[in-house]
Amino acid sequence: MNTESLVVGGGCFWCTEAAYELLPGVKAVVSGYTGGDVDNPTYDQVCGGDSGHAEVVRVYFDSEQVSLETLLDYFWKIHDPTTLNRQGADAGTQYRSAIFYADAAQRKAAESSLARANPSWGGKIVTQIAPLGKFYEAEAYHQDYFRNNPHAGYCHAVIKPKIDKLVKAQAAH
């Protein structure tokens, strides 16, 4: 097994985490924060919009089972990359669409993936591609949030319909 990781932000990390957990070859998904200036940020600091951090997930994957390119191409399907600092009702820089690359190869792969995806989004993708700084793991209650809280209001109203749509699309392939 060859484990690698990718850090992306696609709005609420609960949604992004649940979506990536559907992919074969993904070994773990950890919700967290990156991209800001505050050391050891809390959820309240990030939600307040003053930390500069985005809600992100670190996707651990077996590159022998799923490629970085597949993970990046999937990214464009699980959120709206054309809304600046917003996903649905969640607004603020903490919900920005972002790919945080760990090295030059990830940067090149992210830029290529964006170039492939942009025409299908009308050329309007606003996703930030930036170097990965320090990744801060979110508080324990955020990890596997959808799996642990499937009947919570946000999960039932927002995440479940998104996951159902992704499962249906995967079944069609």
N, C-alpha and C. Protein backbone atom coordinates (compact mmCIF):
# COMPACT_ATOMS: atom_id res chain seq x y z
N MET A 1 0.85 -1.19 0.00
CA MET A 1 0.00 0.00 0.00
C MET A 1 0.89 1.24 0.00
N ASN A 2 0.51 2.22 -0.81
CA ASN A 2 1.26 3.46 -0.92
C ASN A 2 0.34 4.60 -0.50
N THR A 3 0.39 5.01 0.77
CA THR A 3 -0.51 6.02 1.29
C THR A 3 0.03 7.42 1.04
N GLU A 4 -0.83 8.23 0.43
CA GLU A 4 -0.54 9.64 0.21
C GLU A 4 -1.69 10.44 0.79
N SER A 5 -1.59 11.77 0.77
CA SER A 5 -2.70 12.58 1.25
C SER A 5 -2.87 13.83 0.39
N LEU A 6 -4.08 14.33 0.41
CA LEU A 6 -4.47 15.53 -0.33
C LEU A 6 -5.34 16.37 0.59
N VAL A 7 -5.12 17.69 0.62
CA VAL A 7 -5.92 18.58 1.46
C VAL A 7 -6.73 19.50 0.57
N VAL A 8 -8.05 19.47 0.75
CA VAL A 8 -8.97 20.30 -0.04
C VAL A 8 -10.03 20.91 0.86
N GLY A 9 -10.55 22.04 0.40
CA GLY A 9 -11.68 22.69 1.05
C GLY A 9 -12.79 22.88 0.04
N GLY A 10 -13.96 22.38 0.37
CA GLY A 10 -15.11 22.51 -0.52
C GLY A 10 -16.35 22.92 0.25
N GLY A 11 -16.19 23.93 1.11
CA GLY A 11 -17.30 24.35 1.96
C GLY A 11 -17.22 23.64 3.29
N CYS A 12 -18.35 23.30 3.85
CA CYS A 12 -18.42 22.63 5.15
C CYS A 12 -17.64 21.32 5.12
N PHE A 13 -16.73 21.14 6.07
CA PHE A 13 -15.91 19.93 6.03
C PHE A 13 -16.71 18.67 6.31
N TRP A 14 -17.86 18.79 6.96
CA TRP A 14 -18.71 17.60 7.17
C TRP A 14 -19.14 17.02 5.83
N CYS A 15 -19.54 17.89 4.90
CA CYS A 15 -19.98 17.44 3.57
C CYS A 15 -18.82 16.85 2.77
N THR A 16 -17.70 17.55 2.77
CA THR A 16 -16.55 17.12 1.98
C THR A 16 -16.02 15.79 2.49
N GLU A 17 -15.96 15.64 3.81
CA GLU A 17 -15.51 14.39 4.41
C GLU A 17 -16.41 13.23 3.99
N ALA A 18 -17.71 13.41 4.13
CA ALA A 18 -18.66 12.34 3.80
C ALA A 18 -18.57 11.95 2.33
N ALA A 19 -18.35 12.92 1.45
CA ALA A 19 -18.26 12.64 0.02
C ALA A 19 -17.00 11.83 -0.31
N TYR A 20 -15.87 12.23 0.24
CA TYR A 20 -14.62 11.51 -0.07
C TYR A 20 -14.60 10.10 0.53
N GLU A 21 -15.32 9.89 1.62
CA GLU A 21 -15.36 8.56 2.22
C GLU A 21 -16.06 7.54 1.32
N LEU A 22 -16.75 8.00 0.29
CA LEU A 22 -17.44 7.10 -0.65
C LEU A 22 -16.48 6.46 -1.65
N LEU A 23 -15.32 7.06 -1.86
CA LEU A 23 -14.43 6.60 -2.93
C LEU A 23 -13.58 5.39 -2.53
N PRO A 24 -13.60 4.34 -3.37
CA PRO A 24 -12.70 3.22 -3.13
C PRO A 24 -11.25 3.70 -3.19
N GLY A 25 -10.43 3.20 -2.29
CA GLY A 25 -9.03 3.60 -2.23
C GLY A 25 -8.77 4.68 -1.21
N VAL A 26 -9.83 5.37 -0.76
CA VAL A 26 -9.67 6.36 0.30
C VAL A 26 -9.64 5.61 1.62
N LYS A 27 -8.58 5.80 2.37
CA LYS A 27 -8.37 5.05 3.61
C LYS A 27 -8.90 5.79 4.84
N ALA A 28 -8.83 7.12 4.83
CA ALA A 28 -9.31 7.93 5.94
C ALA A 28 -9.48 9.36 5.47
N VAL A 29 -10.39 10.06 6.11
CA VAL A 29 -10.59 11.48 5.82
C VAL A 29 -10.65 12.19 7.17
N VAL A 30 -9.82 13.21 7.33
CA VAL A 30 -9.73 13.93 8.59
C VAL A 30 -10.13 15.39 8.36
N SER A 31 -11.12 15.85 9.10
CA SER A 31 -11.54 17.25 9.02
C SER A 31 -10.55 18.13 9.78
N GLY A 32 -10.31 19.32 9.23
CA GLY A 32 -9.38 20.22 9.89
C GLY A 32 -9.43 21.62 9.32
N TYR A 33 -8.37 22.36 9.61
CA TYR A 33 -8.27 23.76 9.21
C TYR A 33 -6.88 24.03 8.65
N THR A 34 -6.80 24.88 7.64
CA THR A 34 -5.52 25.35 7.13
C THR A 34 -5.75 26.63 6.33
N GLY A 35 -4.64 27.28 5.99
CA GLY A 35 -4.71 28.45 5.12
C GLY A 35 -4.76 29.78 5.84
N GLY A 36 -4.70 29.75 7.16
CA GLY A 36 -4.80 31.00 7.92
C GLY A 36 -3.58 31.30 8.74
N ASP A 37 -3.73 32.27 9.64
CA ASP A 37 -2.60 32.78 10.42
C ASP A 37 -2.65 32.41 11.90
N VAL A 38 -3.75 31.87 12.38
CA VAL A 38 -3.91 31.57 13.80
C VAL A 38 -3.39 30.16 14.10
N ASP A 39 -2.51 30.05 15.08
CA ASP A 39 -2.01 28.74 15.51
C ASP A 39 -3.07 28.03 16.33
N ASN A 40 -3.21 26.72 16.12
CA ASN A 40 -4.15 25.89 16.86
C ASN A 40 -5.55 26.49 16.91
N PRO A 41 -6.13 26.81 15.76
CA PRO A 41 -7.45 27.45 15.76
C PRO A 41 -8.54 26.52 16.29
N THR A 42 -9.55 27.13 16.85
CA THR A 42 -10.73 26.39 17.29
C THR A 42 -11.82 26.55 16.23
N TYR A 43 -12.82 25.71 16.30
CA TYR A 43 -13.95 25.79 15.39
C TYR A 43 -14.60 27.17 15.47
N ASP A 44 -14.76 27.68 16.70
CA ASP A 44 -15.39 29.00 16.86
C ASP A 44 -14.56 30.10 16.19
N GLN A 45 -13.24 30.01 16.30
CA GLN A 45 -12.38 31.01 15.64
C GLN A 45 -12.51 30.93 14.12
N VAL A 46 -12.51 29.71 13.59
CA VAL A 46 -12.60 29.53 12.14
C VAL A 46 -13.98 29.97 11.66
N CYS A 47 -15.04 29.55 12.36
CA CYS A 47 -16.41 29.94 11.96
C CYS A 47 -16.62 31.44 12.04
N GLY A 48 -15.91 32.10 12.94
CA GLY A 48 -16.03 33.54 13.08
C GLY A 48 -15.45 34.28 11.88
N GLY A 49 -14.65 33.57 11.09
CA GLY A 49 -14.11 34.16 9.87
C GLY A 49 -12.89 35.03 10.08
N ASP A 50 -12.36 35.08 11.31
CA ASP A 50 -11.23 35.96 11.59
C ASP A 50 -9.88 35.26 11.59
N SER A 51 -9.86 33.93 11.47
CA SER A 51 -8.60 33.19 11.57
C SER A 51 -7.87 33.10 10.23
N GLY A 52 -8.59 33.32 9.14
CA GLY A 52 -8.01 33.14 7.81
C GLY A 52 -8.01 31.69 7.35
N HIS A 53 -8.32 30.77 8.25
CA HIS A 53 -8.33 29.35 7.91
C HIS A 53 -9.60 28.97 7.16
N ALA A 54 -9.47 27.91 6.37
CA ALA A 54 -10.62 27.31 5.69
C ALA A 54 -10.93 25.98 6.38
N GLU A 55 -12.20 25.60 6.34
CA GLU A 55 -12.57 24.24 6.73
C GLU A 55 -12.11 23.34 5.60
N VAL A 56 -11.30 22.34 5.92
CA VAL A 56 -10.72 21.46 4.91
C VAL A 56 -10.79 20.01 5.38
N VAL A 57 -10.47 19.12 4.46
CA VAL A 57 -10.27 17.72 4.82
C VAL A 57 -8.93 17.26 4.28
N ARG A 58 -8.29 16.37 5.04
CA ARG A 58 -7.09 15.70 4.55
C ARG A 58 -7.54 14.29 4.19
N VAL A 59 -7.41 13.98 2.90
CA VAL A 59 -7.83 12.69 2.37
C VAL A 59 -6.60 11.80 2.28
N TYR A 60 -6.60 10.70 3.04
CA TYR A 60 -5.53 9.71 2.96
C TYR A 60 -5.98 8.63 1.99
N PHE A 61 -5.14 8.35 1.01
CA PHE A 61 -5.55 7.40 -0.02
C PHE A 61 -4.40 6.49 -0.44
N ASP A 62 -4.78 5.32 -0.92
CA ASP A 62 -3.82 4.36 -1.45
C ASP A 62 -3.68 4.67 -2.93
N SER A 63 -2.54 5.22 -3.32
CA SER A 63 -2.35 5.65 -4.71
C SER A 63 -2.28 4.47 -5.68
N GLU A 64 -2.21 3.26 -5.17
CA GLU A 64 -2.28 2.08 -6.03
C GLU A 64 -3.73 1.72 -6.35
N GLN A 65 -4.67 2.28 -5.57
CA GLN A 65 -6.10 2.00 -5.77
C GLN A 65 -6.86 3.18 -6.38
N VAL A 66 -6.43 4.39 -6.06
CA VAL A 66 -7.09 5.59 -6.58
C VAL A 66 -6.02 6.65 -6.81
N SER A 67 -6.07 7.29 -7.96
CA SER A 67 -5.04 8.27 -8.31
C SER A 67 -5.36 9.65 -7.74
N LEU A 68 -4.31 10.44 -7.62
CA LEU A 68 -4.48 11.84 -7.22
C LEU A 68 -5.41 12.54 -8.21
N GLU A 69 -5.24 12.26 -9.49
CA GLU A 69 -6.08 12.89 -10.53
C GLU A 69 -7.56 12.56 -10.32
N THR A 70 -7.85 11.31 -9.96
CA THR A 70 -9.24 10.92 -9.70
C THR A 70 -9.80 11.69 -8.52
N LEU A 71 -9.01 11.82 -7.46
CA LEU A 71 -9.46 12.58 -6.28
C LEU A 71 -9.71 14.04 -6.62
N LEU A 72 -8.83 14.62 -7.43
CA LEU A 72 -9.00 16.01 -7.82
C LEU A 72 -10.20 16.19 -8.75
N ASP A 73 -10.38 15.29 -9.70
CA ASP A 73 -11.52 15.40 -10.60
C ASP A 73 -12.84 15.24 -9.84
N TYR A 74 -12.84 14.40 -8.82
CA TYR A 74 -14.02 14.20 -7.97
C TYR A 74 -14.35 15.48 -7.20
N PHE A 75 -13.33 16.21 -6.80
CA PHE A 75 -13.48 17.47 -6.06
C PHE A 75 -14.47 18.41 -6.75
N TRP A 76 -14.40 18.49 -8.07
CA TRP A 76 -15.26 19.41 -8.82
C TRP A 76 -16.72 18.95 -8.84
N LYS A 77 -16.96 17.69 -8.52
CA LYS A 77 -18.31 17.12 -8.53
C LYS A 77 -19.02 17.23 -7.19
N ILE A 78 -18.28 17.50 -6.12
CA ILE A 78 -18.87 17.43 -4.79
C ILE A 78 -19.17 18.80 -4.17
N HIS A 79 -18.90 19.86 -4.90
CA HIS A 79 -19.25 21.20 -4.42
C HIS A 79 -19.32 22.14 -5.62
N ASP A 80 -19.72 23.38 -5.37
CA ASP A 80 -19.80 24.38 -6.44
C ASP A 80 -18.55 25.25 -6.37
N PRO A 81 -17.60 25.04 -7.28
CA PRO A 81 -16.35 25.80 -7.24
C PRO A 81 -16.45 27.19 -7.86
N THR A 82 -17.67 27.62 -8.20
CA THR A 82 -17.84 28.93 -8.83
C THR A 82 -18.37 29.99 -7.87
N THR A 83 -18.65 29.62 -6.64
CA THR A 83 -19.17 30.58 -5.67
C THR A 83 -18.06 31.00 -4.72
N LEU A 84 -17.65 32.23 -4.80
CA LEU A 84 -16.53 32.73 -4.01
C LEU A 84 -16.92 32.78 -2.54
N ASN A 85 -16.15 32.06 -1.72
CA ASN A 85 -16.34 32.08 -0.26
C ASN A 85 -17.75 31.71 0.17
N ARG A 86 -18.34 30.74 -0.54
CA ARG A 86 -19.70 30.32 -0.19
C ARG A 86 -19.96 28.94 -0.75
N GLN A 87 -20.70 28.15 0.06
CA GLN A 87 -21.28 26.89 -0.39
C GLN A 87 -22.68 26.87 0.20
N GLY A 88 -23.68 27.01 -0.64
CA GLY A 88 -25.05 27.05 -0.15
C GLY A 88 -25.23 28.19 0.82
N ALA A 89 -25.78 27.87 1.99
CA ALA A 89 -26.02 28.90 3.01
C ALA A 89 -24.77 29.23 3.82
N ASP A 90 -23.72 28.43 3.67
CA ASP A 90 -22.48 28.67 4.41
C ASP A 90 -21.65 29.72 3.67
N ALA A 91 -21.45 30.87 4.31
CA ALA A 91 -20.74 31.96 3.66
C ALA A 91 -19.57 32.43 4.51
N GLY A 92 -18.49 32.82 3.85
CA GLY A 92 -17.31 33.33 4.51
C GLY A 92 -16.07 32.66 3.94
N THR A 93 -14.92 33.27 4.15
CA THR A 93 -13.68 32.72 3.60
C THR A 93 -13.37 31.33 4.15
N GLN A 94 -13.92 31.00 5.30
CA GLN A 94 -13.69 29.67 5.88
C GLN A 94 -14.35 28.56 5.06
N TYR A 95 -15.25 28.93 4.15
CA TYR A 95 -15.94 27.96 3.29
C TYR A 95 -15.45 28.03 1.84
N ARG A 96 -14.29 28.64 1.64
CA ARG A 96 -13.79 28.81 0.28
C ARG A 96 -13.44 27.47 -0.37
N SER A 97 -13.53 27.47 -1.67
CA SER A 97 -13.12 26.32 -2.47
C SER A 97 -11.61 26.42 -2.63
N ALA A 98 -10.89 25.37 -2.20
CA ALA A 98 -9.44 25.46 -2.22
C ALA A 98 -8.80 24.08 -2.33
N ILE A 99 -7.67 24.05 -3.01
CA ILE A 99 -6.81 22.86 -3.04
C ILE A 99 -5.47 23.33 -2.49
N PHE A 100 -5.03 22.67 -1.43
CA PHE A 100 -3.76 23.02 -0.80
C PHE A 100 -2.74 21.95 -1.15
N TYR A 101 -1.78 22.31 -2.01
CA TYR A 101 -0.83 21.31 -2.51
C TYR A 101 0.36 21.17 -1.57
N ALA A 102 0.85 19.93 -1.46
CA ALA A 102 1.97 19.62 -0.59
C ALA A 102 3.31 19.72 -1.30
N ASP A 103 3.29 19.63 -2.63
CA ASP A 103 4.54 19.65 -3.40
C ASP A 103 4.24 20.07 -4.84
N ALA A 104 5.28 20.19 -5.64
CA ALA A 104 5.13 20.65 -7.02
C ALA A 104 4.27 19.71 -7.86
N ALA A 105 4.36 18.41 -7.61
CA ALA A 105 3.55 17.46 -8.37
C ALA A 105 2.06 17.64 -8.07
N GLN A 106 1.72 17.88 -6.80
CA GLN A 106 0.32 18.12 -6.46
C GLN A 106 -0.16 19.45 -7.05
N ARG A 107 0.71 20.45 -7.06
CA ARG A 107 0.33 21.73 -7.65
C ARG A 107 0.01 21.56 -9.14
N LYS A 108 0.89 20.86 -9.84
CA LYS A 108 0.68 20.65 -11.27
C LYS A 108 -0.60 19.84 -11.51
N ALA A 109 -0.83 18.81 -10.71
CA ALA A 109 -2.04 18.00 -10.85
C ALA A 109 -3.29 18.83 -10.58
N ALA A 110 -3.24 19.70 -9.56
CA ALA A 110 -4.39 20.55 -9.23
C ALA A 110 -4.68 21.53 -10.37
N GLU A 111 -3.63 22.14 -10.90
CA GLU A 111 -3.82 23.09 -12.00
C GLU A 111 -4.37 22.40 -13.25
N SER A 112 -3.89 21.20 -13.55
CA SER A 112 -4.39 20.43 -14.70
C SER A 112 -5.84 20.03 -14.50
N SER A 113 -6.17 19.61 -13.29
CA SER A 113 -7.55 19.21 -12.99
C SER A 113 -8.50 20.40 -13.13
N LEU A 114 -8.08 21.55 -12.62
CA LEU A 114 -8.89 22.77 -12.75
C LEU A 114 -9.10 23.10 -14.23
N ALA A 115 -8.05 23.01 -15.02
CA ALA A 115 -8.15 23.31 -16.45
C ALA A 115 -9.12 22.36 -17.15
N ARG A 116 -9.14 21.08 -16.75
CA ARG A 116 -10.08 20.11 -17.32
C ARG A 116 -11.52 20.41 -16.89
N ALA A 117 -11.69 20.83 -15.65
CA ALA A 117 -13.04 21.04 -15.09
C ALA A 117 -13.66 22.38 -15.49
N ASN A 118 -12.84 23.39 -15.67
CA ASN A 118 -13.36 24.75 -15.87
C ASN A 118 -14.37 24.89 -17.01
N PRO A 119 -14.18 24.25 -18.16
CA PRO A 119 -15.18 24.39 -19.23
C PRO A 119 -16.57 23.90 -18.81
N SER A 120 -16.64 22.84 -18.03
CA SER A 120 -17.96 22.34 -17.62
C SER A 120 -18.61 23.24 -16.57
N TRP A 121 -17.87 24.16 -16.00
CA TRP A 121 -18.40 25.15 -15.06
C TRP A 121 -18.48 26.53 -15.73
N GLY A 122 -18.50 26.56 -17.05
CA GLY A 122 -18.63 27.82 -17.77
C GLY A 122 -17.44 28.74 -17.62
N GLY A 123 -16.28 28.18 -17.28
CA GLY A 123 -15.08 29.00 -17.13
C GLY A 123 -15.09 29.87 -15.89
N LYS A 124 -15.95 29.54 -14.91
CA LYS A 124 -16.15 30.42 -13.76
C LYS A 124 -15.59 29.88 -12.44
N ILE A 125 -14.73 28.90 -12.48
CA ILE A 125 -14.17 28.35 -11.24
C ILE A 125 -13.32 29.41 -10.52
N VAL A 126 -13.55 29.55 -9.22
CA VAL A 126 -12.82 30.52 -8.40
C VAL A 126 -11.96 29.83 -7.33
N THR A 127 -11.78 28.54 -7.47
CA THR A 127 -11.03 27.75 -6.50
C THR A 127 -9.61 28.26 -6.33
N GLN A 128 -9.20 28.40 -5.08
CA GLN A 128 -7.84 28.80 -4.73
C GLN A 128 -6.94 27.56 -4.79
N ILE A 129 -5.81 27.68 -5.43
CA ILE A 129 -4.78 26.64 -5.40
C ILE A 129 -3.59 27.28 -4.70
N ALA A 130 -3.27 26.73 -3.52
CA ALA A 130 -2.26 27.37 -2.67
C ALA A 130 -1.39 26.32 -1.98
N PRO A 131 -0.18 26.73 -1.59
CA PRO A 131 0.67 25.79 -0.86
C PRO A 131 0.06 25.41 0.48
N LEU A 132 0.24 24.16 0.84
CA LEU A 132 -0.26 23.68 2.12
C LEU A 132 0.65 24.15 3.23
N GLY A 133 0.07 24.87 4.16
CA GLY A 133 0.80 25.25 5.37
C GLY A 133 0.52 24.22 6.45
N LYS A 134 0.48 24.65 7.67
CA LYS A 134 0.20 23.75 8.78
C LYS A 134 -1.26 23.32 8.72
N PHE A 135 -1.49 22.01 8.85
CA PHE A 135 -2.83 21.44 8.92
C PHE A 135 -3.16 21.20 10.39
N TYR A 136 -4.30 21.75 10.82
CA TYR A 136 -4.74 21.56 12.20
C TYR A 136 -5.96 20.66 12.19
N GLU A 137 -5.87 19.54 12.87
CA GLU A 137 -7.01 18.63 12.94
C GLU A 137 -8.13 19.29 13.74
N ALA A 138 -9.34 19.19 13.21
CA ALA A 138 -10.50 19.76 13.90
C ALA A 138 -10.81 18.95 15.16
N GLU A 139 -11.61 19.54 16.01
CA GLU A 139 -12.01 18.90 17.25
C GLU A 139 -12.63 17.54 16.97
N ALA A 140 -12.53 16.63 17.93
CA ALA A 140 -12.96 15.24 17.76
C ALA A 140 -14.42 15.12 17.32
N TYR A 141 -15.30 15.98 17.82
CA TYR A 141 -16.72 15.85 17.47
C TYR A 141 -17.01 16.17 16.01
N HIS A 142 -16.05 16.76 15.30
CA HIS A 142 -16.23 17.03 13.87
C HIS A 142 -15.85 15.84 12.99
N GLN A 143 -15.07 14.92 13.53
CA GLN A 143 -14.60 13.78 12.74
C GLN A 143 -15.76 12.80 12.50
N ASP A 144 -15.89 12.34 11.25
CA ASP A 144 -16.98 11.42 10.88
C ASP A 144 -18.34 11.95 11.31
N TYR A 145 -18.53 13.25 11.16
CA TYR A 145 -19.74 13.89 11.67
C TYR A 145 -21.01 13.31 11.06
N PHE A 146 -21.04 13.17 9.75
CA PHE A 146 -22.24 12.66 9.10
C PHE A 146 -22.51 11.22 9.53
N ARG A 147 -21.49 10.40 9.57
CA ARG A 147 -21.66 9.01 9.97
C ARG A 147 -22.19 8.92 11.40
N ASN A 148 -21.70 9.80 12.28
CA ASN A 148 -22.09 9.76 13.69
C ASN A 148 -23.38 10.49 14.00
N ASN A 149 -23.83 11.36 13.09
CA ASN A 149 -25.00 12.20 13.35
C ASN A 149 -25.93 12.25 12.13
N PRO A 150 -26.31 11.11 11.54
CA PRO A 150 -27.05 11.14 10.28
C PRO A 150 -28.42 11.82 10.36
N HIS A 151 -28.97 11.91 11.56
CA HIS A 151 -30.31 12.49 11.69
C HIS A 151 -30.29 13.92 12.20
N ALA A 152 -29.10 14.47 12.41
CA ALA A 152 -29.00 15.88 12.80
C ALA A 152 -29.55 16.73 11.66
N GLY A 153 -30.11 17.88 11.98
CA GLY A 153 -30.77 18.72 10.99
C GLY A 153 -29.95 19.00 9.75
N TYR A 154 -28.73 19.50 9.91
CA TYR A 154 -27.88 19.84 8.77
C TYR A 154 -27.54 18.60 7.96
N CYS A 155 -27.27 17.50 8.65
CA CYS A 155 -26.92 16.26 7.96
C CYS A 155 -28.09 15.77 7.12
N HIS A 156 -29.27 15.81 7.70
CA HIS A 156 -30.46 15.31 7.00
C HIS A 156 -30.84 16.22 5.82
N ALA A 157 -30.74 17.52 6.03
CA ALA A 157 -31.19 18.48 5.01
C ALA A 157 -30.15 18.75 3.92
N VAL A 158 -28.86 18.72 4.26
CA VAL A 158 -27.83 19.13 3.31
C VAL A 158 -26.93 17.97 2.88
N ILE A 159 -26.38 17.25 3.84
CA ILE A 159 -25.39 16.24 3.49
C ILE A 159 -26.03 15.00 2.87
N LYS A 160 -27.11 14.49 3.46
CA LYS A 160 -27.71 13.26 2.94
C LYS A 160 -28.14 13.39 1.48
N PRO A 161 -28.83 14.45 1.07
CA PRO A 161 -29.17 14.57 -0.36
C PRO A 161 -27.94 14.60 -1.27
N LYS A 162 -26.87 15.26 -0.82
CA LYS A 162 -25.63 15.31 -1.61
C LYS A 162 -25.03 13.92 -1.73
N ILE A 163 -24.97 13.19 -0.64
CA ILE A 163 -24.39 11.85 -0.64
C ILE A 163 -25.25 10.91 -1.48
N ASP A 164 -26.56 11.00 -1.35
CA ASP A 164 -27.45 10.16 -2.16
C ASP A 164 -27.23 10.40 -3.65
N LYS A 165 -27.05 11.65 -4.03
CA LYS A 165 -26.81 12.01 -5.44
C LYS A 165 -25.47 11.43 -5.92
N LEU A 166 -24.44 11.52 -5.09
CA LEU A 166 -23.12 11.00 -5.46
C LEU A 166 -23.15 9.47 -5.58
N VAL A 167 -23.84 8.80 -4.66
CA VAL A 167 -23.95 7.34 -4.72
C VAL A 167 -24.67 6.92 -6.00
N LYS A 168 -25.73 7.64 -6.33
CA LYS A 168 -26.49 7.32 -7.55
C LYS A 168 -25.62 7.53 -8.79
N ALA A 169 -24.83 8.61 -8.82
CA ALA A 169 -23.96 8.88 -9.96
C ALA A 169 -22.87 7.80 -10.07
N GLN A 170 -22.32 7.35 -8.94
CA GLN A 170 -21.30 6.31 -8.96
C GLN A 170 -21.89 5.00 -9.46
N ALA A 171 -23.11 4.70 -9.07
CA ALA A 171 -23.76 3.46 -9.49
C ALA A 171 -24.01 3.46 -11.00
N ALA A 172 -24.21 4.65 -11.56
CA ALA A 172 -24.48 4.77 -13.00
C ALA A 172 -23.23 4.50 -13.84
N HIS A 173 -22.07 4.63 -13.22
CA HIS A 173 -20.81 4.42 -13.96
C HIS A 173 -20.46 2.99 -13.88
